[in-house]
Amino acid sequence: MDIDRVDPRMREATRKSTTFDLENRFILTMGGSLSRFIPGRRVSGVERRIVRDLAARIRVYVPVAPNGSALLWLHGGGLVMGSAAYDDVFCGETARDTGAIVVSVDYRLAPKFKFPVPLDDCAAGYAWMLEHADEFGIDTQRIAVGGQSAGAGLAASLVQRLHDEGVHLAAQWLFCPMLDDRTAADRSRDNDDHFIWNNRANLVGWRSYLGDHVGSGSVSGYAAAARRDDLSGLPATWIYGSDIELFHDEIDDYARRLERAGVDVTYDLVLGVPHGFEAWAPDNELARALITRARTWLRTQLARS
């Protein structure tokens, strides 16, 4: 992709960034293995607890003055990399700035753990939150589910699953979500070599998670959120994507389908930024502005519920 398509304020950071070559099996294996060693970081004024008694660890961020709301957060990494520890600062600052208890799930990664194991881990994180609601003063009617990239895709699928189980959620909060395996199956998209996450990496991620089912008719919304036909009744949604990232079309389509289904949607389209820029360039002015808008929406939505 031509660097001229990137916003001038993001070009230097983009030039220094890395596009993942997951077709290299060594990089794929090492990326997943080393994710568990990502060091954590604390945010001043926010208590962080690590819970190890589930199949997947969870990290809990408790602000000084919790307001009764909560967020279940799922990290990114293409379903094959990443760690809850990587989002320590983001989750801690979100707890501080919104007053919500934040629970971040260190779900198990593909290809060792394929669908539905990572999604089940996320559901277990939500169940843990409910079990400890009294301890943390959580109003169970004021819980949002959110995530970034692959984590946002898992969040969207978990929201569908919980909705089908009759669970009320206050909101879903989706940062550049990875929603549709059919994007990976479209090999024509390989020609536009997107920064950070291209379609060759995308296919590795989806195949690691779904095996040979990628692009087939057997994939459900629980496995790839965009596959669900009926989106009615889902909670209020904040969703963002970029016009130059691989996921633009699937994000745009999902946002508009939610709207047509009667869901209250805030669709934040950021121009000229590569995929997930707010995670790897959080101090950039565009990233700071996006995160501020996102947290303002979340805080307002959780206060309404």
C-alpha atoms as a PDB file:
ATOM      1  CA  MET A   1       0.000   0.000   0.000  1.00  0.00           C
ATOM      2  CA  ASP A   2       1.193   3.497  -0.850  1.00  0.00           C
ATOM      3  CA  ILE A   3       2.337   5.456   2.227  1.00  0.00           C
ATOM      4  CA  ASP A   4       0.681   8.522   0.679  1.00  0.00           C
ATOM      5  CA  ARG A   5      -2.695   7.054   1.671  1.00  0.00           C
ATOM      6  CA  VAL A   6      -1.694   7.349   5.336  1.00  0.00           C
ATOM      7  CA  ASP A   7      -2.544  10.541   7.207  1.00  0.00           C
ATOM      8  CA  PRO A   8       0.640  12.691   7.371  1.00  0.00           C
ATOM      9  CA  ARG A   9       0.404  12.642  11.172  1.00  0.00           C
ATOM     10  CA  MET A  10       0.727   8.832  11.127  1.00  0.00           C
ATOM     11  CA  ARG A  11       3.326   8.323   8.395  1.00  0.00           C
ATOM     12  CA  GLU A  12       6.473   8.266  10.520  1.00  0.00           C
ATOM     13  CA  ALA A  13       4.993   5.746  12.959  1.00  0.00           C
ATOM     14  CA  THR A  14       3.684   3.663  10.063  1.00  0.00           C
ATOM     15  CA  ARG A  15       7.097   3.550   8.386  1.00  0.00           C
ATOM     16  CA  LYS A  16       8.553   2.204  11.640  1.00  0.00           C
ATOM     17  CA  SER A  17       5.779  -0.343  12.158  1.00  0.00           C
ATOM     18  CA  THR A  18       5.848  -4.070  11.418  1.00  0.00           C
ATOM     19  CA  THR A  19       3.506  -6.011   9.146  1.00  0.00           C
ATOM     20  CA  PHE A  20       3.226  -9.534  10.513  1.00  0.00           C
ATOM     21  CA  ASP A  21       4.555 -12.322   8.267  1.00  0.00           C
ATOM     22  CA  LEU A  22       2.499 -15.099   9.795  1.00  0.00           C
ATOM     23  CA  GLU A  23       3.025 -17.314   6.747  1.00  0.00           C
ATOM     24  CA  ASN A  24       6.447 -17.923   8.293  1.00  0.00           C
ATOM     25  CA  ARG A  25       5.689 -20.797  10.665  1.00  0.00           C
ATOM     26  CA  PHE A  26       8.539 -19.848  12.981  1.00  0.00           C
ATOM     27  CA  ILE A  27       7.160 -16.335  13.417  1.00  0.00           C
ATOM     28  CA  LEU A  28       3.652 -17.708  13.936  1.00  0.00           C
ATOM     29  CA  THR A  29       4.835 -20.174  16.583  1.00  0.00           C
ATOM     30  CA  MET A  30       7.104 -17.729  18.356  1.00  0.00           C
ATOM     31  CA  GLY A  31       4.509 -14.941  18.255  1.00  0.00           C
ATOM     32  CA  GLY A  32       2.018 -17.068  20.134  1.00  0.00           C
ATOM     33  CA  SER A  33       4.568 -18.554  22.532  1.00  0.00           C
ATOM     34  CA  LEU A  34       6.172 -15.237  23.452  1.00  0.00           C
ATOM     35  CA  SER A  35       2.823 -13.507  24.020  1.00  0.00           C
ATOM     36  CA  ARG A  36       2.628 -14.995  27.504  1.00  0.00           C
ATOM     37  CA  PHE A  37       5.841 -13.166  28.435  1.00  0.00           C
ATOM     38  CA  ILE A  38       4.611  -9.670  27.565  1.00  0.00           C
ATOM     39  CA  PRO A  39       5.323  -7.585  30.667  1.00  0.00           C
ATOM     40  CA  GLY A  40       2.442  -5.915  32.420  1.00  0.00           C
ATOM     41  CA  ARG A  41       2.224  -2.286  33.526  1.00  0.00           C
ATOM     42  CA  ARG A  42       0.234  -0.610  36.256  1.00  0.00           C
ATOM     43  CA  VAL A  43      -1.754   2.615  36.062  1.00  0.00           C
ATOM     44  CA  SER A  44      -1.517   4.964  39.010  1.00  0.00           C
ATOM     45  CA  GLY A  45      -4.675   5.044  41.082  1.00  0.00           C
ATOM     46  CA  VAL A  46      -6.033   1.790  39.659  1.00  0.00           C
ATOM     47  CA  GLU A  47      -5.762  -1.527  41.493  1.00  0.00           C
ATOM     48  CA  ARG A  48      -4.872  -4.461  39.240  1.00  0.00           C
ATOM     49  CA  ARG A  49      -5.612  -8.028  40.276  1.00  0.00           C
ATOM     50  CA  ILE A  50      -4.643 -11.185  38.384  1.00  0.00           C
ATOM     51  CA  VAL A  51      -6.922 -14.202  38.737  1.00  0.00           C
ATOM     52  CA  ARG A  52      -5.358 -17.556  37.894  1.00  0.00           C
ATOM     53  CA  ASP A  53      -8.045 -20.051  38.918  1.00  0.00           C
ATOM     54  CA  LEU A  54      -9.712 -20.275  35.482  1.00  0.00           C
ATOM     55  CA  ALA A  55      -8.525 -22.054  32.326  1.00  0.00           C
ATOM     56  CA  ALA A  56      -7.640 -18.596  31.029  1.00  0.00           C
ATOM     57  CA  ARG A  57      -6.246 -15.955  33.368  1.00  0.00           C
ATOM     58  CA  ILE A  58      -8.133 -12.730  33.837  1.00  0.00           C
ATOM     59  CA  ARG A  59      -6.932  -9.302  34.913  1.00  0.00           C
ATOM     60  CA  VAL A  60      -9.194  -7.019  36.925  1.00  0.00           C
ATOM     61  CA  TYR A  61      -8.773  -3.243  37.046  1.00  0.00           C
ATOM     62  CA  VAL A  62     -10.483  -1.441  39.913  1.00  0.00           C
ATOM     63  CA  PRO A  63     -10.658   2.371  39.873  1.00  0.00           C
ATOM     64  CA  VAL A  64     -10.534   4.459  43.041  1.00  0.00           C
ATOM     65  CA  ALA A  65     -14.243   5.267  42.841  1.00  0.00           C
ATOM     66  CA  PRO A  66     -16.124   2.514  40.973  1.00  0.00           C
ATOM     67  CA  ASN A  67     -19.556   3.646  39.770  1.00  0.00           C
ATOM     68  CA  GLY A  68     -21.206   0.229  39.463  1.00  0.00           C
ATOM     69  CA  SER A  69     -20.554  -0.293  35.743  1.00  0.00           C
ATOM     70  CA  ALA A  70     -18.217  -2.843  34.198  1.00  0.00           C
ATOM     71  CA  LEU A  71     -16.464  -3.760  30.969  1.00  0.00           C
ATOM     72  CA  LEU A  72     -15.357  -7.206  29.793  1.00  0.00           C
ATOM     73  CA  TRP A  73     -12.327  -6.582  27.527  1.00  0.00           C
ATOM     74  CA  LEU A  74     -10.728  -8.912  24.967  1.00  0.00           C
ATOM     75  CA  HIS A  75      -7.260  -8.219  23.555  1.00  0.00           C
ATOM     76  CA  GLY A  76      -6.214  -8.323  19.897  1.00  0.00           C
ATOM     77  CA  GLY A  77      -3.592 -10.376  18.082  1.00  0.00           C
ATOM     78  CA  GLY A  78      -5.197 -12.038  15.077  1.00  0.00           C
ATOM     79  CA  LEU A  79      -6.429 -14.958  17.232  1.00  0.00           C
ATOM     80  CA  VAL A  80      -2.860 -16.316  17.303  1.00  0.00           C
ATOM     81  CA  MET A  81      -0.911 -13.709  19.301  1.00  0.00           C
ATOM     82  CA  GLY A  82      -1.387 -11.166  22.034  1.00  0.00           C
ATOM     83  CA  SER A  83      -1.911 -11.049  25.741  1.00  0.00           C
ATOM     84  CA  ALA A  84      -4.118  -9.290  28.247  1.00  0.00           C
ATOM     85  CA  ALA A  85      -0.940  -7.829  29.736  1.00  0.00           C
ATOM     86  CA  TYR A  86      -0.343  -5.847  26.544  1.00  0.00           C
ATOM     87  CA  ASP A  87      -3.529  -3.873  27.278  1.00  0.00           C
ATOM     88  CA  ASP A  88      -2.728  -3.151  30.933  1.00  0.00           C
ATOM     89  CA  VAL A  89      -2.390   0.588  30.389  1.00  0.00           C
ATOM     90  CA  PHE A  90      -5.418   0.840  28.120  1.00  0.00           C
ATOM     91  CA  CYS A  91      -7.607  -1.129  30.539  1.00  0.00           C
ATOM     92  CA  GLY A  92      -6.291   0.691  33.598  1.00  0.00           C
ATOM     93  CA  GLU A  93      -6.873   4.096  32.034  1.00  0.00           C
ATOM     94  CA  THR A  94     -10.325   3.018  30.846  1.00  0.00           C
ATOM     95  CA  ALA A  95     -11.235   2.008  34.403  1.00  0.00           C
ATOM     96  CA  ARG A  96      -9.857   5.290  35.736  1.00  0.00           C
ATOM     97  CA  ASP A  97     -11.583   7.471  33.146  1.00  0.00           C
ATOM     98  CA  THR A  98     -14.995   5.747  33.101  1.00  0.00           C
ATOM     99  CA  GLY A  99     -15.342   4.485  36.685  1.00  0.00           C
ATOM    100  CA  ALA A 100     -16.001   0.972  35.365  1.00  0.00           C
ATOM    101  CA  ILE A 101     -14.538  -2.242  36.709  1.00  0.00           C
ATOM    102  CA  VAL A 102     -12.628  -3.711  33.773  1.00  0.00           C
ATOM    103  CA  VAL A 103     -12.095  -7.457  33.436  1.00  0.00           C
ATOM    104  CA  SER A 104      -9.642  -8.473  30.704  1.00  0.00           C
ATOM    105  CA  VAL A 105      -9.503 -12.103  29.564  1.00  0.00           C
ATOM    106  CA  ASP A 106      -6.245 -13.810  28.610  1.00  0.00           C
ATOM    107  CA  TYR A 107      -8.074 -16.255  26.349  1.00  0.00           C
ATOM    108  CA  ARG A 108      -6.174 -19.211  24.927  1.00  0.00           C
ATOM    109  CA  LEU A 109      -4.786 -18.784  21.420  1.00  0.00           C
ATOM    110  CA  ALA A 110      -5.096 -20.600  18.114  1.00  0.00           C
ATOM    111  CA  PRO A 111      -3.849 -22.731  16.467  1.00  0.00           C
ATOM    112  CA  LYS A 112      -3.316 -24.781  19.626  1.00  0.00           C
ATOM    113  CA  PHE A 113      -6.801 -23.840  20.789  1.00  0.00           C
ATOM    114  CA  LYS A 114      -9.310 -23.563  17.962  1.00  0.00           C
ATOM    115  CA  PHE A 115     -12.918 -22.372  17.969  1.00  0.00           C
ATOM    116  CA  PRO A 116     -14.802 -22.509  20.281  1.00  0.00           C
ATOM    117  CA  VAL A 117     -12.140 -22.624  23.031  1.00  0.00           C
ATOM    118  CA  PRO A 118     -11.111 -18.914  22.905  1.00  0.00           C
ATOM    119  CA  LEU A 119     -14.780 -17.857  22.825  1.00  0.00           C
ATOM    120  CA  ASP A 120     -15.562 -20.195  25.725  1.00  0.00           C
ATOM    121  CA  ASP A 121     -12.723 -18.565  27.681  1.00  0.00           C
ATOM    122  CA  CYS A 122     -14.289 -15.164  27.056  1.00  0.00           C
ATOM    123  CA  ALA A 123     -17.679 -16.458  28.185  1.00  0.00           C
ATOM    124  CA  ALA A 124     -16.022 -17.835  31.327  1.00  0.00           C
ATOM    125  CA  GLY A 125     -14.598 -14.363  31.984  1.00  0.00           C
ATOM    126  CA  TYR A 126     -18.089 -12.898  31.768  1.00  0.00           C
ATOM    127  CA  ALA A 127     -19.448 -15.609  34.088  1.00  0.00           C
ATOM    128  CA  TRP A 128     -16.659 -14.842  36.573  1.00  0.00           C
ATOM    129  CA  MET A 129     -17.654 -11.182  36.494  1.00  0.00           C
ATOM    130  CA  LEU A 130     -21.256 -12.057  37.324  1.00  0.00           C
ATOM    131  CA  GLU A 131     -20.174 -14.383  40.141  1.00  0.00           C
ATOM    132  CA  HIS A 132     -18.122 -11.563  41.699  1.00  0.00           C
ATOM    133  CA  ALA A 133     -20.547  -8.730  40.972  1.00  0.00           C
ATOM    134  CA  ASP A 134     -21.407  -8.189  44.619  1.00  0.00           C
ATOM    135  CA  GLU A 135     -17.743  -8.151  45.626  1.00  0.00           C
ATOM    136  CA  PHE A 136     -16.986  -5.357  43.169  1.00  0.00           C
ATOM    137  CA  GLY A 137     -20.313  -3.560  43.419  1.00  0.00           C
ATOM    138  CA  ILE A 138     -21.181  -4.258  39.774  1.00  0.00           C
ATOM    139  CA  ASP A 139     -24.701  -3.579  38.542  1.00  0.00           C
ATOM    140  CA  THR A 140     -25.231  -6.515  36.172  1.00  0.00           C
ATOM    141  CA  GLN A 141     -27.466  -4.342  33.964  1.00  0.00           C
ATOM    142  CA  ARG A 142     -24.534  -1.998  33.330  1.00  0.00           C
ATOM    143  CA  ILE A 143     -21.984  -4.312  31.725  1.00  0.00           C
ATOM    144  CA  ALA A 144     -20.408  -3.773  28.310  1.00  0.00           C
ATOM    145  CA  VAL A 145     -18.371  -6.202  26.235  1.00  0.00           C
ATOM    146  CA  GLY A 146     -15.545  -4.855  24.108  1.00  0.00           C
ATOM    147  CA  GLY A 147     -12.276  -5.632  22.447  1.00  0.00           C
ATOM    148  CA  GLN A 148      -9.733  -4.704  19.819  1.00  0.00           C
ATOM    149  CA  SER A 149      -9.160  -6.367  16.410  1.00  0.00           C
ATOM    150  CA  ALA A 150      -9.455 -10.150  16.902  1.00  0.00           C
ATOM    151  CA  GLY A 151     -10.621  -9.441  20.452  1.00  0.00           C
ATOM    152  CA  ALA A 152     -13.345  -7.176  19.093  1.00  0.00           C
ATOM    153  CA  GLY A 153     -14.422  -9.975  16.769  1.00  0.00           C
ATOM    154  CA  LEU A 154     -14.604 -12.323  19.754  1.00  0.00           C
ATOM    155  CA  ALA A 155     -16.519  -9.631  21.659  1.00  0.00           C
ATOM    156  CA  ALA A 156     -19.081  -9.320  18.859  1.00  0.00           C
ATOM    157  CA  SER A 157     -19.531 -13.097  18.762  1.00  0.00           C
ATOM    158  CA  LEU A 158     -19.807 -13.298  22.548  1.00  0.00           C
ATOM    159  CA  VAL A 159     -22.447 -10.559  22.520  1.00  0.00           C
ATOM    160  CA  GLN A 160     -24.475 -12.620  20.028  1.00  0.00           C
ATOM    161  CA  ARG A 161     -24.112 -15.741  22.166  1.00  0.00           C
ATOM    162  CA  LEU A 162     -25.106 -13.968  25.376  1.00  0.00           C
ATOM    163  CA  HIS A 163     -28.046 -12.311  23.610  1.00  0.00           C
ATOM    164  CA  ASP A 164     -29.284 -15.738  22.506  1.00  0.00           C
ATOM    165  CA  GLU A 165     -28.997 -16.900  26.120  1.00  0.00           C
ATOM    166  CA  GLY A 166     -31.249 -14.036  27.229  1.00  0.00           C
ATOM    167  CA  VAL A 167     -28.508 -11.917  28.801  1.00  0.00           C
ATOM    168  CA  HIS A 168     -28.930  -8.144  28.903  1.00  0.00           C
ATOM    169  CA  LEU A 169     -25.834  -6.152  27.983  1.00  0.00           C
ATOM    170  CA  ALA A 170     -25.532  -2.395  28.148  1.00  0.00           C
ATOM    171  CA  ALA A 171     -23.226  -2.019  25.139  1.00  0.00           C
ATOM    172  CA  GLN A 172     -20.655  -3.499  22.808  1.00  0.00           C
ATOM    173  CA  TRP A 173     -17.449  -1.521  22.233  1.00  0.00           C
ATOM    174  CA  LEU A 174     -15.618  -2.654  19.111  1.00  0.00           C
ATOM    175  CA  PHE A 175     -12.208  -1.347  18.058  1.00  0.00           C
ATOM    176  CA  CYS A 176     -11.392  -2.270  14.406  1.00  0.00           C
ATOM    177  CA  PRO A 177     -13.045  -5.693  14.754  1.00  0.00           C
ATOM    178  CA  MET A 178     -11.995  -8.835  12.861  1.00  0.00           C
ATOM    179  CA  LEU A 179     -15.490 -10.004  11.935  1.00  0.00           C
ATOM    180  CA  ASP A 180     -15.576 -12.017   8.724  1.00  0.00           C
ATOM    181  CA  ASP A 181     -13.551 -15.062   7.651  1.00  0.00           C
ATOM    182  CA  ARG A 182     -14.790 -14.553   4.092  1.00  0.00           C
ATOM    183  CA  THR A 183     -12.426 -11.600   3.746  1.00  0.00           C
ATOM    184  CA  ALA A 184      -9.505 -13.968   4.271  1.00  0.00           C
ATOM    185  CA  ALA A 185     -10.938 -16.415   1.733  1.00  0.00           C
ATOM    186  CA  ASP A 186     -10.994 -13.697  -0.955  1.00  0.00           C
ATOM    187  CA  ARG A 187      -7.490 -14.058  -2.387  1.00  0.00           C
ATOM    188  CA  SER A 188      -7.895 -10.969  -4.595  1.00  0.00           C
ATOM    189  CA  ARG A 189      -7.444  -8.917  -1.439  1.00  0.00           C
ATOM    190  CA  ASP A 190      -3.844 -10.122  -1.189  1.00  0.00           C
ATOM    191  CA  ASN A 191      -2.924  -7.663  -3.944  1.00  0.00           C
ATOM    192  CA  ASP A 192      -3.397  -4.619  -1.704  1.00  0.00           C
ATOM    193  CA  ASP A 193      -0.648  -5.133   0.874  1.00  0.00           C
ATOM    194  CA  HIS A 194      -2.193  -3.365   3.879  1.00  0.00           C
ATOM    195  CA  PHE A 195       0.026  -2.003   6.614  1.00  0.00           C
ATOM    196  CA  ILE A 196       0.232  -3.975   9.894  1.00  0.00           C
ATOM    197  CA  TRP A 197      -2.293  -6.681   8.954  1.00  0.00           C
ATOM    198  CA  ASN A 198      -2.655  -7.883   5.382  1.00  0.00           C
ATOM    199  CA  ASN A 199      -4.871 -10.581   3.942  1.00  0.00           C
ATOM    200  CA  ARG A 200      -2.142 -13.223   3.932  1.00  0.00           C
ATOM    201  CA  ALA A 201      -1.764 -12.806   7.704  1.00  0.00           C
ATOM    202  CA  ASN A 202      -5.545 -12.687   7.950  1.00  0.00           C
ATOM    203  CA  LEU A 203      -5.886 -16.082   6.298  1.00  0.00           C
ATOM    204  CA  VAL A 204      -3.333 -17.589   8.683  1.00  0.00           C
ATOM    205  CA  GLY A 205      -5.251 -16.185  11.643  1.00  0.00           C
ATOM    206  CA  TRP A 206      -8.629 -17.453  10.488  1.00  0.00           C
ATOM    207  CA  ARG A 207      -7.290 -20.859   9.419  1.00  0.00           C
ATOM    208  CA  SER A 208      -5.584 -21.223  12.789  1.00  0.00           C
ATOM    209  CA  TYR A 209      -8.950 -20.604  14.451  1.00  0.00           C
ATOM    210  CA  LEU A 210     -11.396 -22.322  12.083  1.00  0.00           C
ATOM    211  CA  GLY A 211      -9.249 -24.857  10.253  1.00  0.00           C
ATOM    212  CA  ASP A 212     -10.531 -25.787   6.792  1.00  0.00           C
ATOM    213  CA  HIS A 213     -13.905 -24.141   7.404  1.00  0.00           C
ATOM    214  CA  VAL A 214     -12.665 -20.650   6.432  1.00  0.00           C
ATOM    215  CA  GLY A 215     -14.963 -19.200   3.780  1.00  0.00           C
ATOM    216  CA  SER A 216     -17.303 -22.195   3.860  1.00  0.00           C
ATOM    217  CA  GLY A 217     -21.016 -22.207   4.509  1.00  0.00           C
ATOM    218  CA  SER A 218     -20.617 -23.961   7.843  1.00  0.00           C
ATOM    219  CA  VAL A 219     -19.301 -20.953   9.817  1.00  0.00           C
ATOM    220  CA  SER A 220     -21.698 -19.465  12.385  1.00  0.00           C
ATOM    221  CA  GLY A 221     -21.852 -16.012  13.930  1.00  0.00           C
ATOM    222  CA  TYR A 222     -20.337 -17.439  17.091  1.00  0.00           C
ATOM    223  CA  ALA A 223     -17.231 -18.257  15.036  1.00  0.00           C
ATOM    224  CA  ALA A 224     -17.230 -15.117  12.851  1.00  0.00           C
ATOM    225  CA  ALA A 225     -19.647 -12.414  13.949  1.00  0.00           C
ATOM    226  CA  ALA A 226     -20.429 -11.113  10.444  1.00  0.00           C
ATOM    227  CA  ARG A 227     -21.947 -14.502   9.547  1.00  0.00           C
ATOM    228  CA  ARG A 228     -25.041 -13.856  11.669  1.00  0.00           C
ATOM    229  CA  ASP A 229     -28.084 -12.853   9.623  1.00  0.00           C
ATOM    230  CA  ASP A 230     -30.353 -11.435  12.327  1.00  0.00           C
ATOM    231  CA  LEU A 231     -28.683  -8.619  14.280  1.00  0.00           C
ATOM    232  CA  SER A 232     -31.867  -7.280  15.869  1.00  0.00           C
ATOM    233  CA  GLY A 233     -31.942  -6.910  19.633  1.00  0.00           C
ATOM    234  CA  LEU A 234     -28.192  -6.531  20.063  1.00  0.00           C
ATOM    235  CA  PRO A 235     -27.020  -3.816  22.463  1.00  0.00           C
ATOM    236  CA  ALA A 236     -26.018  -0.266  21.620  1.00  0.00           C
ATOM    237  CA  THR A 237     -22.778  -0.363  19.673  1.00  0.00           C
ATOM    238  CA  TRP A 238     -19.707   1.811  19.275  1.00  0.00           C
ATOM    239  CA  ILE A 239     -17.562   0.567  16.413  1.00  0.00           C
ATOM    240  CA  TYR A 240     -14.566   2.061  14.668  1.00  0.00           C
ATOM    241  CA  GLY A 241     -12.576   1.231  11.576  1.00  0.00           C
ATOM    242  CA  SER A 242     -10.267   2.898   9.071  1.00  0.00           C
ATOM    243  CA  ASP A 243     -10.835   3.551   5.392  1.00  0.00           C
ATOM    244  CA  ILE A 244      -7.411   2.109   4.475  1.00  0.00           C
ATOM    245  CA  GLU A 245      -7.350  -1.062   6.560  1.00  0.00           C
ATOM    246  CA  LEU A 246      -8.134  -4.574   5.372  1.00  0.00           C
ATOM    247  CA  PHE A 247     -11.223  -4.828   7.584  1.00  0.00           C
ATOM    248  CA  HIS A 248     -12.885  -1.643   6.279  1.00  0.00           C
ATOM    249  CA  ASP A 249     -15.530  -3.380   4.158  1.00  0.00           C
ATOM    250  CA  GLU A 250     -16.550  -5.926   6.789  1.00  0.00           C
ATOM    251  CA  ILE A 251     -16.672  -3.290   9.548  1.00  0.00           C
ATOM    252  CA  ASP A 252     -18.683  -0.895   7.379  1.00  0.00           C
ATOM    253  CA  ASP A 253     -21.114  -3.646   6.410  1.00  0.00           C
ATOM    254  CA  TYR A 254     -21.576  -4.833  10.008  1.00  0.00           C
ATOM    255  CA  ALA A 255     -22.194  -1.307  11.292  1.00  0.00           C
ATOM    256  CA  ARG A 256     -24.806  -0.630   8.613  1.00  0.00           C
ATOM    257  CA  ARG A 257     -26.503  -3.983   9.127  1.00  0.00           C
ATOM    258  CA  LEU A 258     -26.746  -3.272  12.855  1.00  0.00           C
ATOM    259  CA  GLU A 259     -28.351   0.074  12.076  1.00  0.00           C
ATOM    260  CA  ARG A 260     -30.852  -1.511   9.680  1.00  0.00           C
ATOM    261  CA  ALA A 261     -31.706  -4.020  12.430  1.00  0.00           C
ATOM    262  CA  GLY A 262     -32.651  -1.146  14.744  1.00  0.00           C
ATOM    263  CA  VAL A 263     -29.519  -1.162  16.914  1.00  0.00           C
ATOM    264  CA  ASP A 264     -28.252   2.193  18.231  1.00  0.00           C
ATOM    265  CA  VAL A 265     -24.889   2.468  16.449  1.00  0.00           C
ATOM    266  CA  THR A 266     -22.090   5.005  16.667  1.00  0.00           C
ATOM    267  CA  TYR A 267     -19.763   4.309  13.753  1.00  0.00           C
ATOM    268  CA  ASP A 268     -16.432   6.117  14.032  1.00  0.00           C
ATOM    269  CA  LEU A 269     -14.591   5.939  10.688  1.00  0.00           C
ATOM    270  CA  VAL A 270     -11.032   7.251  11.026  1.00  0.00           C
ATOM    271  CA  LEU A 271      -9.414   8.280   7.753  1.00  0.00           C
ATOM    272  CA  GLY A 272      -5.866   7.452   6.729  1.00  0.00           C
ATOM    273  CA  VAL A 273      -4.761   5.275   9.638  1.00  0.00           C
ATOM    274  CA  PRO A 274      -3.508   1.655   9.504  1.00  0.00           C
ATOM    275  CA  HIS A 275      -5.202  -1.155  11.355  1.00  0.00           C
ATOM    276  CA  GLY A 276      -5.098  -0.957  15.154  1.00  0.00           C
ATOM    277  CA  PHE A 277      -3.085   2.268  15.198  1.00  0.00           C
ATOM    278  CA  GLU A 278      -4.468   3.244  18.607  1.00  0.00           C
ATOM    279  CA  ALA A 279      -2.787   0.163  20.125  1.00  0.00           C
ATOM    280  CA  TRP A 280       0.711   0.527  18.638  1.00  0.00           C
ATOM    281  CA  ALA A 281       0.810   4.350  18.447  1.00  0.00           C
ATOM    282  CA  PRO A 282      -1.328   5.356  21.454  1.00  0.00           C
ATOM    283  CA  ASP A 283       0.418   8.698  21.939  1.00  0.00           C
ATOM    284  CA  ASN A 284      -0.340   9.880  18.407  1.00  0.00           C
ATOM    285  CA  GLU A 285      -2.800  12.778  18.383  1.00  0.00           C
ATOM    286  CA  LEU A 286      -5.259  10.827  16.207  1.00  0.00           C
ATOM    287  CA  ALA A 287      -5.129   7.867  18.579  1.00  0.00           C
ATOM    288  CA  ARG A 288      -5.619  10.035  21.663  1.00  0.00           C
ATOM    289  CA  ALA A 289      -8.627  11.704  20.055  1.00  0.00           C
ATOM    290  CA  LEU A 290     -10.167   8.363  19.086  1.00  0.00           C
ATOM    291  CA  ILE A 291      -9.707   6.876  22.553  1.00  0.00           C
ATOM    292  CA  THR A 292     -11.197   9.980  24.158  1.00  0.00           C
ATOM    293  CA  ARG A 293     -14.277   9.731  21.926  1.00  0.00           C
ATOM    294  CA  ALA A 294     -14.583   6.021  22.629  1.00  0.00           C
ATOM    295  CA  ARG A 295     -14.360   6.369  26.406  1.00  0.00           C
ATOM    296  CA  THR A 296     -16.790   9.274  26.422  1.00  0.00           C
ATOM    297  CA  TRP A 297     -19.307   7.132  24.549  1.00  0.00           C
ATOM    298  CA  LEU A 298     -18.773   4.169  26.873  1.00  0.00           C
ATOM    299  CA  ARG A 299     -19.080   6.240  30.025  1.00  0.00           C
ATOM    300  CA  THR A 300     -22.293   7.838  28.746  1.00  0.00           C
ATOM    301  CA  GLN A 301     -23.793   4.538  27.626  1.00  0.00           C
ATOM    302  CA  LEU A 302     -23.047   2.775  30.897  1.00  0.00           C
ATOM    303  CA  ALA A 303     -24.601   5.640  32.821  1.00  0.00           C
ATOM    304  CA  ARG A 304     -27.845   5.271  30.841  1.00  0.00           C
ATOM    305  CA  SER A 305     -28.319   1.559  31.465  1.00  0.00           C
END
